[in-house]
């Protein structure tokens, strides 16, 4: 199992309230939805046609991820909150054992 950390509104104190396990092979978006994480709308269901699953991946995990593809980069131009270093679409992050402890910040809004 992989432990995931979702931090709402850049609040480190929220770390404890959004920790849950997930299985490798799923997308971060799927894990968040299964875990009931608020803040990831995922309107397109992971089809890479919206930007409502935007997250900001913290280091050291951001540098461990494969770089975003051209389609993801294009969709990141449509995020409701300005893109930051580490911005990714959670539907494009495939969970592996190496991402145990993955920590992401949730934007203030997806719309």
PDB file of N, CA and C in Angstrom:
ATOM      1  N   UNK A   1       0.830  -1.179   0.000  1.00  0.00           N
ATOM      2  CA  UNK A   1       0.000   0.000   0.000  1.00  0.00           C
ATOM      3  C   UNK A   1       0.881   1.252   0.000  1.00  0.00           C
ATOM      4  N   UNK A   2       0.364   2.294  -0.620  1.00  0.00           N
ATOM      5  CA  UNK A   2       1.045   3.574  -0.714  1.00  0.00           C
ATOM      6  C   UNK A   2       0.295   4.567   0.163  1.00  0.00           C
ATOM      7  N   UNK A   3       1.022   5.357   0.926  1.00  0.00           N
ATOM      8  CA  UNK A   3       0.397   6.394   1.729  1.00  0.00           C
ATOM      9  C   UNK A   3       0.438   7.706   0.958  1.00  0.00           C
ATOM     10  N   UNK A   4      -0.706   8.362   0.870  1.00  0.00           N
ATOM     11  CA  UNK A   4      -0.836   9.626   0.150  1.00  0.00           C
ATOM     12  C   UNK A   4      -1.221  10.727   1.116  1.00  0.00           C
ATOM     13  N   UNK A   5      -0.691  11.929   0.885  1.00  0.00           N
ATOM     14  CA  UNK A   5      -0.976  13.091   1.724  1.00  0.00           C
ATOM     15  C   UNK A   5      -1.539  14.199   0.840  1.00  0.00           C
ATOM     16  N   UNK A   6      -2.726  14.682   1.169  1.00  0.00           N
ATOM     17  CA  UNK A   6      -3.350  15.794   0.459  1.00  0.00           C
ATOM     18  C   UNK A   6      -3.463  16.971   1.423  1.00  0.00           C
ATOM     19  N   UNK A   7      -2.901  18.112   1.048  1.00  0.00           N
ATOM     20  CA  UNK A   7      -2.904  19.283   1.911  1.00  0.00           C
ATOM     21  C   UNK A   7      -3.802  20.351   1.289  1.00  0.00           C
ATOM     22  N   UNK A   8      -4.829  20.722   2.018  1.00  0.00           N
ATOM     23  CA  UNK A   8      -5.793  21.718   1.532  1.00  0.00           C
ATOM     24  C   UNK A   8      -5.322  23.119   1.866  1.00  0.00           C
ATOM     25  N   UNK A   9      -5.447  24.005   0.911  1.00  0.00           N
ATOM     26  CA  UNK A   9      -5.166  25.428   1.109  1.00  0.00           C
ATOM     27  C   UNK A   9      -3.787  25.696   1.689  1.00  0.00           C
ATOM     28  N   UNK A  10      -2.813  24.877   1.290  1.00  0.00           N
ATOM     29  CA  UNK A  10      -1.428  25.078   1.726  1.00  0.00           C
ATOM     30  C   UNK A  10      -1.288  25.060   3.250  1.00  0.00           C
ATOM     31  N   UNK A  11      -2.153  24.311   3.910  1.00  0.00           N
ATOM     32  CA  UNK A  11      -2.177  24.275   5.373  1.00  0.00           C
ATOM     33  C   UNK A  11      -1.514  22.992   5.869  1.00  0.00           C
ATOM     34  N   UNK A  12      -0.265  23.064   6.336  1.00  0.00           N
ATOM     35  CA  UNK A  12       0.410  21.848   6.805  1.00  0.00           C
ATOM     36  C   UNK A  12      -0.342  21.130   7.923  1.00  0.00           C
ATOM     37  N   UNK A  13      -1.129  21.862   8.697  1.00  0.00           N
ATOM     38  CA  UNK A  13      -1.893  21.228   9.772  1.00  0.00           C
ATOM     39  C   UNK A  13      -2.945  20.283   9.209  1.00  0.00           C
ATOM     40  N   UNK A  14      -3.343  20.480   7.962  1.00  0.00           N
ATOM     41  CA  UNK A  14      -4.350  19.625   7.334  1.00  0.00           C
ATOM     42  C   UNK A  14      -3.773  18.271   6.936  1.00  0.00           C
ATOM     43  N   UNK A  15      -2.457  18.137   6.993  1.00  0.00           N
ATOM     44  CA  UNK A  15      -1.802  16.902   6.576  1.00  0.00           C
ATOM     45  C   UNK A  15      -2.413  15.683   7.251  1.00  0.00           C
ATOM     46  N   UNK A  16      -2.634  15.745   8.550  1.00  0.00           N
ATOM     47  CA  UNK A  16      -3.143  14.601   9.269  1.00  0.00           C
ATOM     48  C   UNK A  16      -4.548  14.206   8.894  1.00  0.00           C
ATOM     49  N   UNK A  17      -5.338  15.123   8.386  1.00  0.00           N
ATOM     50  CA  UNK A  17      -6.724  14.809   8.081  1.00  0.00           C
ATOM     51  C   UNK A  17      -6.904  14.239   6.683  1.00  0.00           C
ATOM     52  N   UNK A  18      -5.851  14.209   5.898  1.00  0.00           N
ATOM     53  CA  UNK A  18      -5.997  13.724   4.528  1.00  0.00           C
ATOM     54  C   UNK A  18      -4.914  12.719   4.174  1.00  0.00           C
ATOM     55  N   UNK A  19      -4.657  11.804   5.079  1.00  0.00           N
ATOM     56  CA  UNK A  19      -3.698  10.736   4.818  1.00  0.00           C
ATOM     57  C   UNK A  19      -4.486   9.447   4.639  1.00  0.00           C
ATOM     58  N   UNK A  20      -4.214   8.756   3.554  1.00  0.00           N
ATOM     59  CA  UNK A  20      -4.876   7.467   3.388  1.00  0.00           C
ATOM     60  C   UNK A  20      -4.060   6.572   2.466  1.00  0.00           C
ATOM     61  N   UNK A  21      -4.279   5.266   2.552  1.00  0.00           N
ATOM     62  CA  UNK A  21      -3.541   4.329   1.714  1.00  0.00           C
ATOM     63  C   UNK A  21      -4.234   4.112   0.370  1.00  0.00           C
ATOM     64  N   UNK A  22      -3.451   3.735  -0.612  1.00  0.00           N
ATOM     65  CA  UNK A  22      -3.984   3.368  -1.920  1.00  0.00           C
ATOM     66  C   UNK A  22      -3.093   2.292  -2.520  1.00  0.00           C
ATOM     67  N   UNK A  23      -3.597   1.642  -3.526  1.00  0.00           N
ATOM     68  CA  UNK A  23      -2.853   0.581  -4.198  1.00  0.00           C
ATOM     69  C   UNK A  23      -2.091   1.134  -5.397  1.00  0.00           C
ATOM     70  N   UNK A  24      -0.924   0.573  -5.686  1.00  0.00           N
ATOM     71  CA  UNK A  24      -0.198   0.956  -6.906  1.00  0.00           C
ATOM     72  C   UNK A  24      -1.036   0.611  -8.138  1.00  0.00           C
ATOM     73  N   UNK A  25      -0.779   1.335  -9.231  1.00  0.00           N
ATOM     74  CA  UNK A  25      -1.468   1.062 -10.488  1.00  0.00           C
ATOM     75  C   UNK A  25      -2.648   1.975 -10.750  1.00  0.00           C
ATOM     76  N   UNK A  26      -3.123   2.655  -9.742  1.00  0.00           N
ATOM     77  CA  UNK A  26      -4.223   3.599  -9.911  1.00  0.00           C
ATOM     78  C   UNK A  26      -3.647   4.977 -10.182  1.00  0.00           C
ATOM     79  N   UNK A  27      -4.492   5.870 -10.690  1.00  0.00           N
ATOM     80  CA  UNK A  27      -4.039   7.251 -10.810  1.00  0.00           C
ATOM     81  C   UNK A  27      -4.255   7.946  -9.470  1.00  0.00           C
ATOM     82  N   UNK A  28      -3.532   9.014  -9.259  1.00  0.00           N
ATOM     83  CA  UNK A  28      -3.705   9.796  -8.044  1.00  0.00           C
ATOM     84  C   UNK A  28      -5.134  10.320  -7.960  1.00  0.00           C
ATOM     85  N   UNK A  29      -5.713  10.695  -9.078  1.00  0.00           N
ATOM     86  CA  UNK A  29      -7.098  11.169  -9.110  1.00  0.00           C
ATOM     87  C   UNK A  29      -8.060  10.077  -8.643  1.00  0.00           C
ATOM     88  N   UNK A  30      -7.892   8.862  -9.138  1.00  0.00           N
ATOM     89  CA  UNK A  30      -8.757   7.751  -8.729  1.00  0.00           C
ATOM     90  C   UNK A  30      -8.627   7.487  -7.237  1.00  0.00           C
ATOM     91  N   UNK A  31      -7.415   7.520  -6.742  1.00  0.00           N
ATOM     92  CA  UNK A  31      -7.191   7.296  -5.312  1.00  0.00           C
ATOM     93  C   UNK A  31      -7.867   8.385  -4.491  1.00  0.00           C
ATOM     94  N   UNK A  32      -7.746   9.639  -4.935  1.00  0.00           N
ATOM     95  CA  UNK A  32      -8.361  10.759  -4.215  1.00  0.00           C
ATOM     96  C   UNK A  32      -9.873  10.627  -4.196  1.00  0.00           C
ATOM     97  N   UNK A  33     -10.453  10.280  -5.313  1.00  0.00           N
ATOM     98  CA  UNK A  33     -11.904  10.131  -5.367  1.00  0.00           C
ATOM     99  C   UNK A  33     -12.368   8.969  -4.499  1.00  0.00           C
ATOM    100  N   UNK A  34     -11.670   7.862  -4.534  1.00  0.00           N
ATOM    101  CA  UNK A  34     -12.030   6.725  -3.687  1.00  0.00           C
ATOM    102  C   UNK A  34     -11.899   7.058  -2.215  1.00  0.00           C
ATOM    103  N   UNK A  35     -10.924   7.902  -1.893  1.00  0.00           N
ATOM    104  CA  UNK A  35     -10.689   8.285  -0.508  1.00  0.00           C
ATOM    105  C   UNK A  35     -11.558   9.437  -0.037  1.00  0.00           C
ATOM    106  N   UNK A  36     -12.391   9.978  -0.917  1.00  0.00           N
ATOM    107  CA  UNK A  36     -13.275  11.071  -0.535  1.00  0.00           C
ATOM    108  C   UNK A  36     -12.573  12.399  -0.330  1.00  0.00           C
ATOM    109  N   UNK A  37     -11.452  12.583  -1.006  1.00  0.00           N
ATOM    110  CA  UNK A  37     -10.714  13.846  -0.882  1.00  0.00           C
ATOM    111  C   UNK A  37     -11.506  14.958  -1.561  1.00  0.00           C
ATOM    112  N   UNK A  38     -11.816  15.993  -0.785  1.00  0.00           N
ATOM    113  CA  UNK A  38     -12.476  17.160  -1.359  1.00  0.00           C
ATOM    114  C   UNK A  38     -11.416  18.032  -2.006  1.00  0.00           C
ATOM    115  N   UNK A  39     -11.751  18.647  -3.111  1.00  0.00           N
ATOM    116  CA  UNK A  39     -10.810  19.541  -3.764  1.00  0.00           C
ATOM    117  C   UNK A  39     -10.304  19.019  -5.088  1.00  0.00           C
ATOM    118  N   UNK A  40     -10.652  17.802  -5.442  1.00  0.00           N
ATOM    119  CA  UNK A  40     -10.338  17.268  -6.762  1.00  0.00           C
ATOM    120  C   UNK A  40     -11.669  16.928  -7.422  1.00  0.00           C
ATOM    121  N   UNK A  41     -12.094  17.800  -8.338  1.00  0.00           N
ATOM    122  CA  UNK A  41     -13.407  17.632  -8.965  1.00  0.00           C
ATOM    123  C   UNK A  41     -13.401  16.522 -10.012  1.00  0.00           C
ATOM    124  N   UNK A  42     -12.366  16.480 -10.842  1.00  0.00           N
ATOM    125  CA  UNK A  42     -12.213  15.441 -11.866  1.00  0.00           C
ATOM    126  C   UNK A  42     -13.443  15.320 -12.747  1.00  0.00           C
ATOM    127  N   UNK A  43     -13.878  16.444 -13.285  1.00  0.00           N
ATOM    128  CA  UNK A  43     -15.095  16.469 -14.094  1.00  0.00           C
ATOM    129  C   UNK A  43     -15.067  15.524 -15.294  1.00  0.00           C
ATOM    130  N   UNK A  44     -13.913  15.353 -15.918  1.00  0.00           N
ATOM    131  CA  UNK A  44     -13.853  14.498 -17.113  1.00  0.00           C
ATOM    132  C   UNK A  44     -13.579  13.042 -16.778  1.00  0.00           C
ATOM    133  N   UNK A  45     -13.402  12.729 -15.501  1.00  0.00           N
ATOM    134  CA  UNK A  45     -13.177  11.343 -15.095  1.00  0.00           C
ATOM    135  C   UNK A  45     -11.811  10.796 -15.455  1.00  0.00           C
ATOM    136  N   UNK A  46     -10.881  11.674 -15.758  1.00  0.00           N
ATOM    137  CA  UNK A  46      -9.527  11.217 -16.063  1.00  0.00           C
ATOM    138  C   UNK A  46      -9.236  11.087 -17.538  1.00  0.00           C
ATOM    139  N   UNK A  47     -10.055  11.687 -18.389  1.00  0.00           N
ATOM    140  CA  UNK A  47      -9.876  11.600 -19.845  1.00  0.00           C
ATOM    141  C   UNK A  47      -8.958  12.673 -20.406  1.00  0.00           C
ATOM    142  N   UNK A  48      -8.401  13.512 -19.541  1.00  0.00           N
ATOM    143  CA  UNK A  48      -7.489  14.579 -19.935  1.00  0.00           C
ATOM    144  C   UNK A  48      -8.168  15.610 -20.842  1.00  0.00           C
ATOM    145  N   UNK A  49      -9.415  15.944 -20.472  1.00  0.00           N
ATOM    146  CA  UNK A  49     -10.140  16.965 -21.231  1.00  0.00           C
ATOM    147  C   UNK A  49     -10.582  18.123 -20.349  1.00  0.00           C
ATOM    148  N   UNK A  50     -10.084  18.170 -19.125  1.00  0.00           N
ATOM    149  CA  UNK A  50     -10.365  19.296 -18.240  1.00  0.00           C
ATOM    150  C   UNK A  50      -9.142  19.486 -17.349  1.00  0.00           C
ATOM    151  N   UNK A  51      -9.202  20.439 -16.467  1.00  0.00           N
ATOM    152  CA  UNK A  51      -8.073  20.661 -15.557  1.00  0.00           C
ATOM    153  C   UNK A  51      -8.561  20.707 -14.120  1.00  0.00           C
ATOM    154  N   UNK A  52      -9.644  19.983 -13.826  1.00  0.00           N
ATOM    155  CA  UNK A  52     -10.256  20.051 -12.502  1.00  0.00           C
ATOM    156  C   UNK A  52      -9.719  19.006 -11.526  1.00  0.00           C
ATOM    157  N   UNK A  53      -8.583  18.427 -11.862  1.00  0.00           N
ATOM    158  CA  UNK A  53      -7.903  17.527 -10.920  1.00  0.00           C
ATOM    159  C   UNK A  53      -6.492  18.040 -10.657  1.00  0.00           C
ATOM    160  N   UNK A  54      -6.328  19.337 -10.814  1.00  0.00           N
ATOM    161  CA  UNK A  54      -5.042  20.013 -10.624  1.00  0.00           C
ATOM    162  C   UNK A  54      -4.532  19.838  -9.191  1.00  0.00           C
ATOM    163  N   UNK A  55      -3.284  19.477  -9.056  1.00  0.00           N
ATOM    164  CA  UNK A  55      -2.600  19.413  -7.767  1.00  0.00           C
ATOM    165  C   UNK A  55      -1.204  19.990  -7.953  1.00  0.00           C
ATOM    166  N   UNK A  56      -0.569  20.352  -6.848  1.00  0.00           N
ATOM    167  CA  UNK A  56       0.830  20.777  -6.884  1.00  0.00           C
ATOM    168  C   UNK A  56       1.620  19.746  -6.089  1.00  0.00           C
ATOM    169  N   UNK A  57       2.464  19.022  -6.785  1.00  0.00           N
ATOM    170  CA  UNK A  57       3.238  17.929  -6.186  1.00  0.00           C
ATOM    171  C   UNK A  57       4.463  18.510  -5.492  1.00  0.00           C
ATOM    172  N   UNK A  58       4.638  18.146  -4.243  1.00  0.00           N
ATOM    173  CA  UNK A  58       5.794  18.601  -3.469  1.00  0.00           C
ATOM    174  C   UNK A  58       7.014  17.741  -3.766  1.00  0.00           C
ATOM    175  N   UNK A  59       8.157  18.326  -3.527  1.00  0.00           N
ATOM    176  CA  UNK A  59       9.417  17.561  -3.598  1.00  0.00           C
ATOM    177  C   UNK A  59       9.524  16.693  -2.350  1.00  0.00           C
ATOM    178  N   UNK A  60      10.167  15.574  -2.436  1.00  0.00           N
ATOM    179  CA  UNK A  60      11.005  15.099  -3.520  1.00  0.00           C
ATOM    180  C   UNK A  60      10.242  14.347  -4.603  1.00  0.00           C
ATOM    181  N   UNK A  61       8.924  14.243  -4.457  1.00  0.00           N
ATOM    182  CA  UNK A  61       8.143  13.424  -5.393  1.00  0.00           C
ATOM    183  C   UNK A  61       8.003  14.053  -6.765  1.00  0.00           C
ATOM    184  N   UNK A  62       7.929  15.380  -6.848  1.00  0.00           N
ATOM    185  CA  UNK A  62       7.753  16.033  -8.153  1.00  0.00           C
ATOM    186  C   UNK A  62       8.877  15.643  -9.110  1.00  0.00           C
ATOM    187  N   UNK A  63      10.086  15.605  -8.613  1.00  0.00           N
ATOM    188  CA  UNK A  63      11.221  15.274  -9.482  1.00  0.00           C
ATOM    189  C   UNK A  63      11.296  13.783  -9.802  1.00  0.00           C
ATOM    190  N   UNK A  64      10.531  12.956  -9.093  1.00  0.00           N
ATOM    191  CA  UNK A  64      10.523  11.513  -9.358  1.00  0.00           C
ATOM    192  C   UNK A  64       9.500  11.126 -10.420  1.00  0.00           C
ATOM    193  N   UNK A  65       8.579  12.034 -10.720  1.00  0.00           N
ATOM    194  CA  UNK A  65       7.536  11.736 -11.699  1.00  0.00           C
ATOM    195  C   UNK A  65       8.060  11.890 -13.120  1.00  0.00           C
ATOM    196  N   UNK A  66       7.513  11.106 -14.049  1.00  0.00           N
ATOM    197  CA  UNK A  66       7.846  11.359 -15.451  1.00  0.00           C
ATOM    198  C   UNK A  66       7.355  12.768 -15.814  1.00  0.00           C
ATOM    199  N   UNK A  67       8.025  13.431 -16.738  1.00  0.00           N
ATOM    200  CA  UNK A  67       7.573  14.780 -17.099  1.00  0.00           C
ATOM    201  C   UNK A  67       6.179  14.728 -17.734  1.00  0.00           C
ATOM    202  N   UNK A  68       5.429  15.820 -17.595  1.00  0.00           N
ATOM    203  CA  UNK A  68       4.099  15.840 -18.211  1.00  0.00           C
ATOM    204  C   UNK A  68       4.216  15.807 -19.733  1.00  0.00           C
ATOM    205  N   UNK A  69       3.251  15.133 -20.350  1.00  0.00           N
ATOM    206  CA  UNK A  69       3.201  15.088 -21.803  1.00  0.00           C
ATOM    207  C   UNK A  69       2.620  16.375 -22.368  1.00  0.00           C
ATOM    208  N   UNK A  70       2.636  16.497 -23.678  1.00  0.00           N
ATOM    209  CA  UNK A  70       2.146  17.703 -24.359  1.00  0.00           C
ATOM    210  C   UNK A  70       0.678  17.974 -24.041  1.00  0.00           C
ATOM    211  N   UNK A  71      -0.150  16.932 -23.995  1.00  0.00           N
ATOM    212  CA  UNK A  71      -1.573  17.128 -23.710  1.00  0.00           C
ATOM    213  C   UNK A  71      -1.791  17.626 -22.282  1.00  0.00           C
ATOM    214  N   UNK A  72      -1.048  17.060 -21.332  1.00  0.00           N
ATOM    215  CA  UNK A  72      -1.169  17.526 -19.957  1.00  0.00           C
ATOM    216  C   UNK A  72      -0.701  18.973 -19.834  1.00  0.00           C
ATOM    217  N   UNK A  73       0.409  19.306 -20.470  1.00  0.00           N
ATOM    218  CA  UNK A  73       0.906  20.684 -20.435  1.00  0.00           C
ATOM    219  C   UNK A  73      -0.129  21.652 -21.002  1.00  0.00           C
ATOM    220  N   UNK A  74      -0.790  21.250 -22.076  1.00  0.00           N
ATOM    221  CA  UNK A  74      -1.822  22.108 -22.671  1.00  0.00           C
ATOM    222  C   UNK A  74      -2.990  22.298 -21.710  1.00  0.00           C
ATOM    223  N   UNK A  75      -3.423  21.234 -21.048  1.00  0.00           N
ATOM    224  CA  UNK A  75      -4.548  21.338 -20.109  1.00  0.00           C
ATOM    225  C   UNK A  75      -4.172  22.156 -18.879  1.00  0.00           C
ATOM    226  N   UNK A  76      -2.931  22.112 -18.467  1.00  0.00           N
ATOM    227  CA  UNK A  76      -2.494  22.890 -17.305  1.00  0.00           C
ATOM    228  C   UNK A  76      -2.610  24.393 -17.545  1.00  0.00           C
ATOM    229  N   UNK A  77      -2.741  24.796 -18.795  1.00  0.00           N
ATOM    230  CA  UNK A  77      -2.966  26.215 -19.106  1.00  0.00           C
ATOM    231  C   UNK A  77      -4.370  26.665 -18.707  1.00  0.00           C
ATOM    232  N   UNK A  78      -5.257  25.725 -18.411  1.00  0.00           N
ATOM    233  CA  UNK A  78      -6.658  26.035 -18.108  1.00  0.00           C
ATOM    234  C   UNK A  78      -7.012  25.846 -16.635  1.00  0.00           C
ATOM    235  N   UNK A  79      -6.026  25.731 -15.770  1.00  0.00           N
ATOM    236  CA  UNK A  79      -6.333  25.571 -14.348  1.00  0.00           C
ATOM    237  C   UNK A  79      -6.941  26.849 -13.790  1.00  0.00           C
ATOM    238  N   UNK A  80      -7.830  26.691 -12.826  1.00  0.00           N
ATOM    239  CA  UNK A  80      -8.498  27.846 -12.207  1.00  0.00           C
ATOM    240  C   UNK A  80      -7.531  28.667 -11.366  1.00  0.00           C
ATOM    241  N   UNK A  81      -6.572  28.002 -10.767  1.00  0.00           N
ATOM    242  CA  UNK A  81      -5.546  28.656  -9.960  1.00  0.00           C
ATOM    243  C   UNK A  81      -4.277  28.651 -10.811  1.00  0.00           C
ATOM    244  N   UNK A  82      -3.550  29.764 -10.853  1.00  0.00           N
ATOM    245  CA  UNK A  82      -2.349  29.804 -11.700  1.00  0.00           C
ATOM    246  C   UNK A  82      -1.408  28.630 -11.449  1.00  0.00           C
ATOM    247  N   UNK A  83      -0.873  28.164 -12.536  1.00  0.00           N
ATOM    248  CA  UNK A  83       0.069  27.053 -12.509  1.00  0.00           C
ATOM    249  C   UNK A  83       1.315  27.432 -11.705  1.00  0.00           C
ATOM    250  N   UNK A  84       1.854  26.440 -10.999  1.00  0.00           N
ATOM    251  CA  UNK A  84       3.049  26.633 -10.182  1.00  0.00           C
ATOM    252  C   UNK A  84       4.065  25.548 -10.523  1.00  0.00           C
ATOM    253  N   UNK A  85       5.322  25.734 -10.077  1.00  0.00           N
ATOM    254  CA  UNK A  85       6.247  24.607 -10.218  1.00  0.00           C
ATOM    255  C   UNK A  85       5.644  23.418  -9.469  1.00  0.00           C
ATOM    256  N   UNK A  86       5.652  22.282 -10.066  1.00  0.00           N
ATOM    257  CA  UNK A  86       5.063  21.097  -9.443  1.00  0.00           C
ATOM    258  C   UNK A  86       3.611  20.880  -9.816  1.00  0.00           C
ATOM    259  N   UNK A  87       2.986  21.808 -10.558  1.00  0.00           N
ATOM    260  CA  UNK A  87       1.591  21.625 -10.975  1.00  0.00           C
ATOM    261  C   UNK A  87       1.479  20.432 -11.910  1.00  0.00           C
ATOM    262  N   UNK A  88       0.516  19.590 -11.604  1.00  0.00           N
ATOM    263  CA  UNK A  88       0.232  18.416 -12.431  1.00  0.00           C
ATOM    264  C   UNK A  88      -1.259  18.145 -12.386  1.00  0.00           C
ATOM    265  N   UNK A  89      -1.725  17.360 -13.328  1.00  0.00           N
ATOM    266  CA  UNK A  89      -3.095  16.853 -13.293  1.00  0.00           C
ATOM    267  C   UNK A  89      -3.030  15.486 -12.633  1.00  0.00           C
ATOM    268  N   UNK A  90      -3.796  15.312 -11.576  1.00  0.00           N
ATOM    269  CA  UNK A  90      -3.696  14.076 -10.802  1.00  0.00           C
ATOM    270  C   UNK A  90      -4.130  12.844 -11.596  1.00  0.00           C
ATOM    271  N   UNK A  91      -4.901  13.043 -12.653  1.00  0.00           N
ATOM    272  CA  UNK A  91      -5.297  11.901 -13.484  1.00  0.00           C
ATOM    273  C   UNK A  91      -4.124  11.331 -14.271  1.00  0.00           C
ATOM    274  N   UNK A  92      -3.049  12.093 -14.382  1.00  0.00           N
ATOM    275  CA  UNK A  92      -1.885  11.666 -15.153  1.00  0.00           C
ATOM    276  C   UNK A  92      -0.760  11.113 -14.293  1.00  0.00           C
ATOM    277  N   UNK A  93      -0.969  11.057 -12.996  1.00  0.00           N
ATOM    278  CA  UNK A  93       0.052  10.522 -12.086  1.00  0.00           C
ATOM    279  C   UNK A  93      -0.326   9.095 -11.721  1.00  0.00           C
ATOM    280  N   UNK A  94       0.456   8.153 -12.212  1.00  0.00           N
ATOM    281  CA  UNK A  94       0.226   6.748 -11.912  1.00  0.00           C
ATOM    282  C   UNK A  94       0.999   6.377 -10.651  1.00  0.00           C
ATOM    283  N   UNK A  95       0.295   5.818  -9.700  1.00  0.00           N
ATOM    284  CA  UNK A  95       0.900   5.494  -8.411  1.00  0.00           C
ATOM    285  C   UNK A  95       1.760   4.240  -8.493  1.00  0.00           C
ATOM    286  N   UNK A  96       2.935   4.335  -7.901  1.00  0.00           N
ATOM    287  CA  UNK A  96       3.855   3.207  -7.796  1.00  0.00           C
ATOM    288  C   UNK A  96       4.344   3.141  -6.349  1.00  0.00           C
ATOM    289  N   UNK A  97       4.946   2.030  -5.989  1.00  0.00           N
ATOM    290  CA  UNK A  97       5.497   1.895  -4.638  1.00  0.00           C
ATOM    291  C   UNK A  97       6.524   2.986  -4.337  1.00  0.00           C
ATOM    292  N   UNK A  98       7.232   3.461  -5.359  1.00  0.00           N
ATOM    293  CA  UNK A  98       8.246   4.502  -5.164  1.00  0.00           C
ATOM    294  C   UNK A  98       7.628   5.834  -4.726  1.00  0.00           C
ATOM    295  N   UNK A  99       6.311   5.991  -4.899  1.00  0.00           N
ATOM    296  CA  UNK A  99       5.645   7.238  -4.522  1.00  0.00           C
ATOM    297  C   UNK A  99       5.011   7.175  -3.139  1.00  0.00           C
ATOM    298  N   UNK A 100       5.400   6.175  -2.337  1.00  0.00           N
ATOM    299  CA  UNK A 100       4.886   6.087  -0.976  1.00  0.00           C
ATOM    300  C   UNK A 100       5.234   7.362  -0.219  1.00  0.00           C
ATOM    301  N   UNK A 101       4.234   8.004   0.356  1.00  0.00           N
ATOM    302  CA  UNK A 101       4.438   9.262   1.069  1.00  0.00           C
ATOM    303  C   UNK A 101       4.180  10.482   0.204  1.00  0.00           C
ATOM    304  N   UNK A 102       3.771  10.274  -1.047  1.00  0.00           N
ATOM    305  CA  UNK A 102       3.498  11.375  -1.972  1.00  0.00           C
ATOM    306  C   UNK A 102       2.652  12.445  -1.301  1.00  0.00           C
ATOM    307  N   UNK A 103       3.108  13.686  -1.396  1.00  0.00           N
ATOM    308  CA  UNK A 103       2.400  14.810  -0.785  1.00  0.00           C
ATOM    309  C   UNK A 103       2.082  15.831  -1.850  1.00  0.00           C
ATOM    310  N   UNK A 104       0.805  16.229  -1.917  1.00  0.00           N
ATOM    311  CA  UNK A 104       0.365  17.239  -2.880  1.00  0.00           C
ATOM    312  C   UNK A 104      -0.462  18.301  -2.186  1.00  0.00           C
ATOM    313  N   UNK A 105      -0.354  19.508  -2.717  1.00  0.00           N
ATOM    314  CA  UNK A 105      -1.196  20.614  -2.262  1.00  0.00           C
ATOM    315  C   UNK A 105      -2.390  20.712  -3.190  1.00  0.00           C
ATOM    316  N   UNK A 106      -3.558  20.909  -2.612  1.00  0.00           N
ATOM    317  CA  UNK A 106      -4.781  21.109  -3.376  1.00  0.00           C
ATOM    318  C   UNK A 106      -4.985  22.600  -3.594  1.00  0.00           C
ATOM    319  N   UNK A 107      -5.318  23.019  -4.812  1.00  0.00           N
ATOM    320  CA  UNK A 107      -5.565  24.442  -5.028  1.00  0.00           C
ATOM    321  C   UNK A 107      -6.822  24.896  -4.293  1.00  0.00           C
ATOM    322  N   UNK A 108      -6.937  26.189  -4.090  1.00  0.00           N
ATOM    323  CA  UNK A 108      -8.093  26.739  -3.380  1.00  0.00           C
ATOM    324  C   UNK A 108      -9.393  26.425  -4.104  1.00  0.00           C
ATOM    325  N   UNK A 109      -9.345  26.308  -5.417  1.00  0.00           N
ATOM    326  CA  UNK A 109     -10.529  25.982  -6.211  1.00  0.00           C
ATOM    327  C   UNK A 109     -10.111  25.281  -7.495  1.00  0.00           C
ATOM    328  N   UNK A 110     -11.024  24.514  -8.058  1.00  0.00           N
ATOM    329  CA  UNK A 110     -10.793  23.884  -9.360  1.00  0.00           C
ATOM    330  C   UNK A 110     -11.608  24.599 -10.445  1.00  0.00           C
ATOM    331  N   UNK A 111     -12.399  25.594 -10.046  1.00  0.00           N
ATOM    332  CA  UNK A 111     -13.252  26.312 -11.011  1.00  0.00           C
ATOM    333  C   UNK A 111     -12.984  27.794 -10.987  1.00  0.00           C
TER     334      UNK A 111
END
